[in-house]
């Protein structure tokens, strides 16, 4: 029934996770299909490969944010 709704009215994607400032993961409110953004900014299906890539990218991004915040606090 949920797939019928999406096929008639289209998906209703909401951001489920912010990986970085530019990369996000999306999930349909009705059918629970998941998408992510590729390197060109296009929305593509969230496969296990892209889940792993996003996880690593998020970890690197958060480390850099933490490091830059410590730098600005130390120099203030």
PDB file of N, CA and C in Angstrom:
ATOM      1  N   UNK A   1       0.811  -1.196   0.000  1.00  0.00           N
ATOM      2  CA  UNK A   1       0.000   0.000   0.000  1.00  0.00           C
ATOM      3  C   UNK A   1       0.855   1.261   0.000  1.00  0.00           C
ATOM      4  N   UNK A   2       1.963   1.213   0.733  1.00  0.00           N
ATOM      5  CA  UNK A   2       2.838   2.385   0.790  1.00  0.00           C
ATOM      6  C   UNK A   2       3.506   2.644  -0.552  1.00  0.00           C
ATOM      7  N   UNK A   3       3.859   1.576  -1.266  1.00  0.00           N
ATOM      8  CA  UNK A   3       4.469   1.756  -2.588  1.00  0.00           C
ATOM      9  C   UNK A   3       3.472   2.325  -3.576  1.00  0.00           C
ATOM     10  N   UNK A   4       2.199   2.030  -3.409  1.00  0.00           N
ATOM     11  CA  UNK A   4       1.162   2.578  -4.278  1.00  0.00           C
ATOM     12  C   UNK A   4       1.089   4.093  -4.091  1.00  0.00           C
ATOM     13  N   UNK A   5       1.156   4.544  -2.851  1.00  0.00           N
ATOM     14  CA  UNK A   5       1.125   5.975  -2.576  1.00  0.00           C
ATOM     15  C   UNK A   5       2.288   6.671  -3.285  1.00  0.00           C
ATOM     16  N   UNK A   6       3.489   6.108  -3.142  1.00  0.00           N
ATOM     17  CA  UNK A   6       4.665   6.728  -3.758  1.00  0.00           C
ATOM     18  C   UNK A   6       4.588   6.682  -5.280  1.00  0.00           C
ATOM     19  N   UNK A   7       4.022   5.620  -5.841  1.00  0.00           N
ATOM     20  CA  UNK A   7       3.932   5.549  -7.299  1.00  0.00           C
ATOM     21  C   UNK A   7       2.900   6.539  -7.830  1.00  0.00           C
ATOM     22  N   UNK A   8       1.874   6.855  -7.047  1.00  0.00           N
ATOM     23  CA  UNK A   8       0.862   7.819  -7.488  1.00  0.00           C
ATOM     24  C   UNK A   8       1.273   9.270  -7.246  1.00  0.00           C
ATOM     25  N   UNK A   9       1.786   9.548  -6.058  1.00  0.00           N
ATOM     26  CA  UNK A   9       2.068  10.926  -5.663  1.00  0.00           C
ATOM     27  C   UNK A   9       3.554  11.271  -5.600  1.00  0.00           C
ATOM     28  N   UNK A  10       4.415  10.295  -5.731  1.00  0.00           N
ATOM     29  CA  UNK A  10       5.856  10.533  -5.618  1.00  0.00           C
ATOM     30  C   UNK A  10       6.331  10.338  -4.188  1.00  0.00           C
ATOM     31  N   UNK A  11       7.625  10.201  -4.048  1.00  0.00           N
ATOM     32  CA  UNK A  11       8.221   9.993  -2.728  1.00  0.00           C
ATOM     33  C   UNK A  11       8.222  11.286  -1.927  1.00  0.00           C
ATOM     34  N   UNK A  12       8.216  11.146  -0.625  1.00  0.00           N
ATOM     35  CA  UNK A  12       8.307  12.282   0.286  1.00  0.00           C
ATOM     36  C   UNK A  12       9.585  12.102   1.104  1.00  0.00           C
ATOM     37  N   UNK A  13      10.724  12.490   0.505  1.00  0.00           N
ATOM     38  CA  UNK A  13      12.015  12.281   1.146  1.00  0.00           C
ATOM     39  C   UNK A  13      12.284  13.342   2.203  1.00  0.00           C
ATOM     40  N   UNK A  14      12.782  12.883   3.340  1.00  0.00           N
ATOM     41  CA  UNK A  14      13.216  13.746   4.434  1.00  0.00           C
ATOM     42  C   UNK A  14      14.668  13.403   4.747  1.00  0.00           C
ATOM     43  N   UNK A  15      15.442  14.381   5.193  1.00  0.00           N
ATOM     44  CA  UNK A  15      16.839  14.149   5.546  1.00  0.00           C
ATOM     45  C   UNK A  15      16.876  13.262   6.782  1.00  0.00           C
ATOM     46  N   UNK A  16      17.556  12.120   6.660  1.00  0.00           N
ATOM     47  CA  UNK A  16      17.674  11.221   7.805  1.00  0.00           C
ATOM     48  C   UNK A  16      19.029  11.358   8.498  1.00  0.00           C
ATOM     49  N   UNK A  17      20.035  11.842   7.754  1.00  0.00           N
ATOM     50  CA  UNK A  17      21.365  11.987   8.351  1.00  0.00           C
ATOM     51  C   UNK A  17      22.158  13.017   7.562  1.00  0.00           C
ATOM     52  N   UNK A  18      22.799  13.939   8.269  1.00  0.00           N
ATOM     53  CA  UNK A  18      23.729  14.875   7.647  1.00  0.00           C
ATOM     54  C   UNK A  18      25.127  14.282   7.762  1.00  0.00           C
ATOM     55  N   UNK A  19      25.690  13.855   6.637  1.00  0.00           N
ATOM     56  CA  UNK A  19      27.015  13.251   6.643  1.00  0.00           C
ATOM     57  C   UNK A  19      28.069  14.347   6.733  1.00  0.00           C
ATOM     58  N   UNK A  20      28.006  15.320   5.838  1.00  0.00           N
ATOM     59  CA  UNK A  20      28.840  16.529   5.863  1.00  0.00           C
ATOM     60  C   UNK A  20      27.920  17.694   5.546  1.00  0.00           C
ATOM     61  N   UNK A  21      28.511  18.864   5.280  1.00  0.00           N
ATOM     62  CA  UNK A  21      27.698  20.018   4.922  1.00  0.00           C
ATOM     63  C   UNK A  21      26.975  19.794   3.596  1.00  0.00           C
ATOM     64  N   UNK A  22      27.581  19.046   2.682  1.00  0.00           N
ATOM     65  CA  UNK A  22      27.032  18.882   1.344  1.00  0.00           C
ATOM     66  C   UNK A  22      26.436  17.504   1.088  1.00  0.00           C
ATOM     67  N   UNK A  23      26.809  16.507   1.852  1.00  0.00           N
ATOM     68  CA  UNK A  23      26.338  15.139   1.641  1.00  0.00           C
ATOM     69  C   UNK A  23      25.327  14.793   2.722  1.00  0.00           C
ATOM     70  N   UNK A  24      24.167  14.310   2.281  1.00  0.00           N
ATOM     71  CA  UNK A  24      23.105  13.941   3.206  1.00  0.00           C
ATOM     72  C   UNK A  24      22.523  12.596   2.805  1.00  0.00           C
ATOM     73  N   UNK A  25      21.863  11.948   3.755  1.00  0.00           N
ATOM     74  CA  UNK A  25      21.112  10.732   3.472  1.00  0.00           C
ATOM     75  C   UNK A  25      19.634  11.056   3.636  1.00  0.00           C
ATOM     76  N   UNK A  26      18.811  10.500   2.760  1.00  0.00           N
ATOM     77  CA  UNK A  26      17.380  10.768   2.752  1.00  0.00           C
ATOM     78  C   UNK A  26      16.603   9.464   2.885  1.00  0.00           C
ATOM     79  N   UNK A  27      15.406   9.552   3.484  1.00  0.00           N
ATOM     80  CA  UNK A  27      14.530   8.396   3.622  1.00  0.00           C
ATOM     81  C   UNK A  27      13.104   8.839   3.296  1.00  0.00           C
ATOM     82  N   UNK A  28      12.414   8.032   2.486  1.00  0.00           N
ATOM     83  CA  UNK A  28      11.024   8.327   2.142  1.00  0.00           C
ATOM     84  C   UNK A  28      10.144   8.080   3.365  1.00  0.00           C
ATOM     85  N   UNK A  29       9.262   9.016   3.621  1.00  0.00           N
ATOM     86  CA  UNK A  29       8.376   8.939   4.778  1.00  0.00           C
ATOM     87  C   UNK A  29       7.395   7.781   4.665  1.00  0.00           C
ATOM     88  N   UNK A  30       7.061   7.382   3.448  1.00  0.00           N
ATOM     89  CA  UNK A  30       6.024   6.377   3.256  1.00  0.00           C
ATOM     90  C   UNK A  30       6.589   4.969   3.011  1.00  0.00           C
ATOM     91  N   UNK A  31       7.494   4.833   2.041  1.00  0.00           N
ATOM     92  CA  UNK A  31       7.958   3.486   1.673  1.00  0.00           C
ATOM     93  C   UNK A  31       9.321   3.139   2.262  1.00  0.00           C
ATOM     94  N   UNK A  32       9.948   4.074   2.967  1.00  0.00           N
ATOM     95  CA  UNK A  32      11.237   3.865   3.649  1.00  0.00           C
ATOM     96  C   UNK A  32      12.405   3.616   2.698  1.00  0.00           C
ATOM     97  N   UNK A  33      12.277   3.969   1.410  1.00  0.00           N
ATOM     98  CA  UNK A  33      13.432   3.840   0.512  1.00  0.00           C
ATOM     99  C   UNK A  33      14.447   4.917   0.881  1.00  0.00           C
ATOM    100  N   UNK A  34      15.733   4.596   0.708  1.00  0.00           N
ATOM    101  CA  UNK A  34      16.799   5.495   1.128  1.00  0.00           C
ATOM    102  C   UNK A  34      17.624   5.943  -0.070  1.00  0.00           C
ATOM    103  N   UNK A  35      18.035   7.211  -0.041  1.00  0.00           N
ATOM    104  CA  UNK A  35      18.896   7.787  -1.065  1.00  0.00           C
ATOM    105  C   UNK A  35      20.027   8.529  -0.389  1.00  0.00           C
ATOM    106  N   UNK A  36      21.090   8.762  -1.155  1.00  0.00           N
ATOM    107  CA  UNK A  36      22.184   9.603  -0.705  1.00  0.00           C
ATOM    108  C   UNK A  36      22.623  10.435  -1.895  1.00  0.00           C
ATOM    109  N   UNK A  37      23.578  11.305  -1.677  1.00  0.00           N
ATOM    110  CA  UNK A  37      24.082  12.147  -2.750  1.00  0.00           C
ATOM    111  C   UNK A  37      25.449  11.630  -3.182  1.00  0.00           C
ATOM    112  N   UNK A  38      25.681  11.609  -4.499  1.00  0.00           N
ATOM    113  CA  UNK A  38      26.987  11.189  -4.990  1.00  0.00           C
ATOM    114  C   UNK A  38      27.910  12.404  -5.083  1.00  0.00           C
ATOM    115  N   UNK A  39      29.079  12.215  -5.641  1.00  0.00           N
ATOM    116  CA  UNK A  39      30.066  13.281  -5.739  1.00  0.00           C
ATOM    117  C   UNK A  39      29.635  14.439  -6.616  1.00  0.00           C
ATOM    118  N   UNK A  40      28.676  14.207  -7.508  1.00  0.00           N
ATOM    119  CA  UNK A  40      28.198  15.266  -8.398  1.00  0.00           C
ATOM    120  C   UNK A  40      26.933  15.936  -7.882  1.00  0.00           C
ATOM    121  N   UNK A  41      26.462  15.539  -6.710  1.00  0.00           N
ATOM    122  CA  UNK A  41      25.269  16.133  -6.133  1.00  0.00           C
ATOM    123  C   UNK A  41      23.974  15.493  -6.582  1.00  0.00           C
ATOM    124  N   UNK A  42      24.063  14.377  -7.299  1.00  0.00           N
ATOM    125  CA  UNK A  42      22.858  13.675  -7.739  1.00  0.00           C
ATOM    126  C   UNK A  42      22.411  12.706  -6.650  1.00  0.00           C
ATOM    127  N   UNK A  43      21.106  12.475  -6.584  1.00  0.00           N
ATOM    128  CA  UNK A  43      20.568  11.541  -5.601  1.00  0.00           C
ATOM    129  C   UNK A  43      20.602  10.140  -6.186  1.00  0.00           C
ATOM    130  N   UNK A  44      21.185   9.206  -5.414  1.00  0.00           N
ATOM    131  CA  UNK A  44      21.322   7.824  -5.849  1.00  0.00           C
ATOM    132  C   UNK A  44      20.865   6.901  -4.720  1.00  0.00           C
ATOM    133  N   UNK A  45      20.492   5.660  -5.029  1.00  0.00           N
ATOM    134  CA  UNK A  45      20.075   4.722  -3.973  1.00  0.00           C
ATOM    135  C   UNK A  45      21.205   4.483  -2.960  1.00  0.00           C
ATOM    136  N   UNK A  46      20.830   4.365  -1.703  1.00  0.00           N
ATOM    137  CA  UNK A  46      21.800   4.144  -0.627  1.00  0.00           C
ATOM    138  C   UNK A  46      22.065   2.651  -0.503  1.00  0.00           C
ATOM    139  N   UNK A  47      23.154   2.204  -1.103  1.00  0.00           N
ATOM    140  CA  UNK A  47      23.561   0.807  -1.061  1.00  0.00           C
ATOM    141  C   UNK A  47      24.495   0.593   0.133  1.00  0.00           C
ATOM    142  N   UNK A  48      24.777  -0.655   0.508  1.00  0.00           N
ATOM    143  CA  UNK A  48      25.732  -0.895   1.600  1.00  0.00           C
ATOM    144  C   UNK A  48      27.094  -0.256   1.342  1.00  0.00           C
ATOM    145  N   UNK A  49      27.518  -0.217   0.081  1.00  0.00           N
ATOM    146  CA  UNK A  49      28.792   0.412  -0.267  1.00  0.00           C
ATOM    147  C   UNK A  49      28.765   1.907   0.072  1.00  0.00           C
ATOM    148  N   UNK A  50      27.681   2.585  -0.291  1.00  0.00           N
ATOM    149  CA  UNK A  50      27.580   4.015  -0.018  1.00  0.00           C
ATOM    150  C   UNK A  50      27.342   4.286   1.463  1.00  0.00           C
ATOM    151  N   UNK A  51      26.702   3.366   2.184  1.00  0.00           N
ATOM    152  CA  UNK A  51      26.554   3.518   3.636  1.00  0.00           C
ATOM    153  C   UNK A  51      27.927   3.526   4.298  1.00  0.00           C
ATOM    154  N   UNK A  52      28.796   2.621   3.855  1.00  0.00           N
ATOM    155  CA  UNK A  52      30.146   2.553   4.407  1.00  0.00           C
ATOM    156  C   UNK A  52      30.940   3.807   4.056  1.00  0.00           C
ATOM    157  N   UNK A  53      30.837   4.244   2.810  1.00  0.00           N
ATOM    158  CA  UNK A  53      31.533   5.459   2.381  1.00  0.00           C
ATOM    159  C   UNK A  53      31.059   6.655   3.199  1.00  0.00           C
ATOM    160  N   UNK A  54      29.744   6.790   3.384  1.00  0.00           N
ATOM    161  CA  UNK A  54      29.203   7.909   4.156  1.00  0.00           C
ATOM    162  C   UNK A  54      29.634   7.850   5.611  1.00  0.00           C
ATOM    163  N   UNK A  55      29.732   6.646   6.161  1.00  0.00           N
ATOM    164  CA  UNK A  55      30.167   6.488   7.542  1.00  0.00           C
ATOM    165  C   UNK A  55      31.615   6.978   7.717  1.00  0.00           C
ATOM    166  N   UNK A  56      32.476   6.579   6.805  1.00  0.00           N
ATOM    167  CA  UNK A  56      33.877   7.004   6.869  1.00  0.00           C
ATOM    168  C   UNK A  56      33.988   8.505   6.635  1.00  0.00           C
ATOM    169  N   UNK A  57      33.251   9.009   5.659  1.00  0.00           N
ATOM    170  CA  UNK A  57      33.262  10.440   5.355  1.00  0.00           C
ATOM    171  C   UNK A  57      32.782  11.253   6.552  1.00  0.00           C
ATOM    172  N   UNK A  58      31.760  10.777   7.230  1.00  0.00           N
ATOM    173  CA  UNK A  58      31.247  11.464   8.408  1.00  0.00           C
ATOM    174  C   UNK A  58      32.283  11.480   9.528  1.00  0.00           C
ATOM    175  N   UNK A  59      32.962  10.353   9.722  1.00  0.00           N
ATOM    176  CA  UNK A  59      33.982  10.267  10.771  1.00  0.00           C
ATOM    177  C   UNK A  59      35.132  11.249  10.506  1.00  0.00           C
ATOM    178  N   UNK A  60      35.596  11.311   9.257  1.00  0.00           N
ATOM    179  CA  UNK A  60      36.681  12.233   8.895  1.00  0.00           C
ATOM    180  C   UNK A  60      36.219  13.675   9.064  1.00  0.00           C
ATOM    181  N   UNK A  61      35.017  13.970   8.615  1.00  0.00           N
ATOM    182  CA  UNK A  61      34.471  15.322   8.716  1.00  0.00           C
ATOM    183  C   UNK A  61      34.377  15.772  10.177  1.00  0.00           C
ATOM    184  N   UNK A  62      33.862  14.897  11.036  1.00  0.00           N
ATOM    185  CA  UNK A  62      33.722  15.249  12.450  1.00  0.00           C
ATOM    186  C   UNK A  62      35.071  15.434  13.138  1.00  0.00           C
ATOM    187  N   UNK A  63      36.074  14.635  12.760  1.00  0.00           N
ATOM    188  CA  UNK A  63      37.417  14.803  13.328  1.00  0.00           C
ATOM    189  C   UNK A  63      37.996  16.157  12.951  1.00  0.00           C
ATOM    190  N   UNK A  64      37.818  16.540  11.686  1.00  0.00           N
ATOM    191  CA  UNK A  64      38.330  17.835  11.238  1.00  0.00           C
ATOM    192  C   UNK A  64      37.607  18.993  11.920  1.00  0.00           C
ATOM    193  N   UNK A  65      36.308  18.859  12.105  1.00  0.00           N
ATOM    194  CA  UNK A  65      35.559  19.905  12.809  1.00  0.00           C
ATOM    195  C   UNK A  65      36.057  20.049  14.241  1.00  0.00           C
ATOM    196  N   UNK A  66      36.238  18.924  14.896  1.00  0.00           N
ATOM    197  CA  UNK A  66      36.699  18.942  16.291  1.00  0.00           C
ATOM    198  C   UNK A  66      38.088  19.563  16.391  1.00  0.00           C
ATOM    199  N   UNK A  67      38.964  19.207  15.446  1.00  0.00           N
ATOM    200  CA  UNK A  67      40.325  19.728  15.446  1.00  0.00           C
ATOM    201  C   UNK A  67      40.329  21.240  15.204  1.00  0.00           C
ATOM    202  N   UNK A  68      39.501  21.722  14.269  1.00  0.00           N
ATOM    203  CA  UNK A  68      39.464  23.151  13.978  1.00  0.00           C
ATOM    204  C   UNK A  68      38.860  23.926  15.138  1.00  0.00           C
ATOM    205  N   UNK A  69      37.879  23.360  15.834  1.00  0.00           N
ATOM    206  CA  UNK A  69      37.294  24.029  16.996  1.00  0.00           C
ATOM    207  C   UNK A  69      38.303  24.152  18.106  1.00  0.00           C
ATOM    208  N   UNK A  70      39.128  23.109  18.311  1.00  0.00           N
ATOM    209  CA  UNK A  70      40.165  23.186  19.345  1.00  0.00           C
ATOM    210  C   UNK A  70      41.200  24.234  18.986  1.00  0.00           C
ATOM    211  N   UNK A  71      41.509  24.383  17.687  1.00  0.00           N
ATOM    212  CA  UNK A  71      42.474  25.369  17.241  1.00  0.00           C
ATOM    213  C   UNK A  71      41.961  26.785  17.531  1.00  0.00           C
ATOM    214  N   UNK A  72      40.682  27.043  17.234  1.00  0.00           N
ATOM    215  CA  UNK A  72      40.132  28.373  17.451  1.00  0.00           C
ATOM    216  C   UNK A  72      39.975  28.691  18.929  1.00  0.00           C
ATOM    217  N   UNK A  73      39.676  27.705  19.761  1.00  0.00           N
ATOM    218  CA  UNK A  73      39.553  27.926  21.196  1.00  0.00           C
ATOM    219  C   UNK A  73      40.931  28.229  21.783  1.00  0.00           C
ATOM    220  N   UNK A  74      41.959  27.524  21.324  1.00  0.00           N
ATOM    221  CA  UNK A  74      43.306  27.726  21.845  1.00  0.00           C
ATOM    222  C   UNK A  74      43.871  29.087  21.446  1.00  0.00           C
ATOM    223  N   UNK A  75      43.500  29.585  20.299  1.00  0.00           N
ATOM    224  CA  UNK A  75      44.031  30.873  19.813  1.00  0.00           C
ATOM    225  C   UNK A  75      43.146  32.060  20.150  1.00  0.00           C
ATOM    226  N   UNK A  76      42.094  31.841  20.906  1.00  0.00           N
ATOM    227  CA  UNK A  76      41.200  32.967  21.261  1.00  0.00           C
ATOM    228  C   UNK A  76      41.649  33.654  22.511  1.00  0.00           C
TER     229      UNK A  76
END
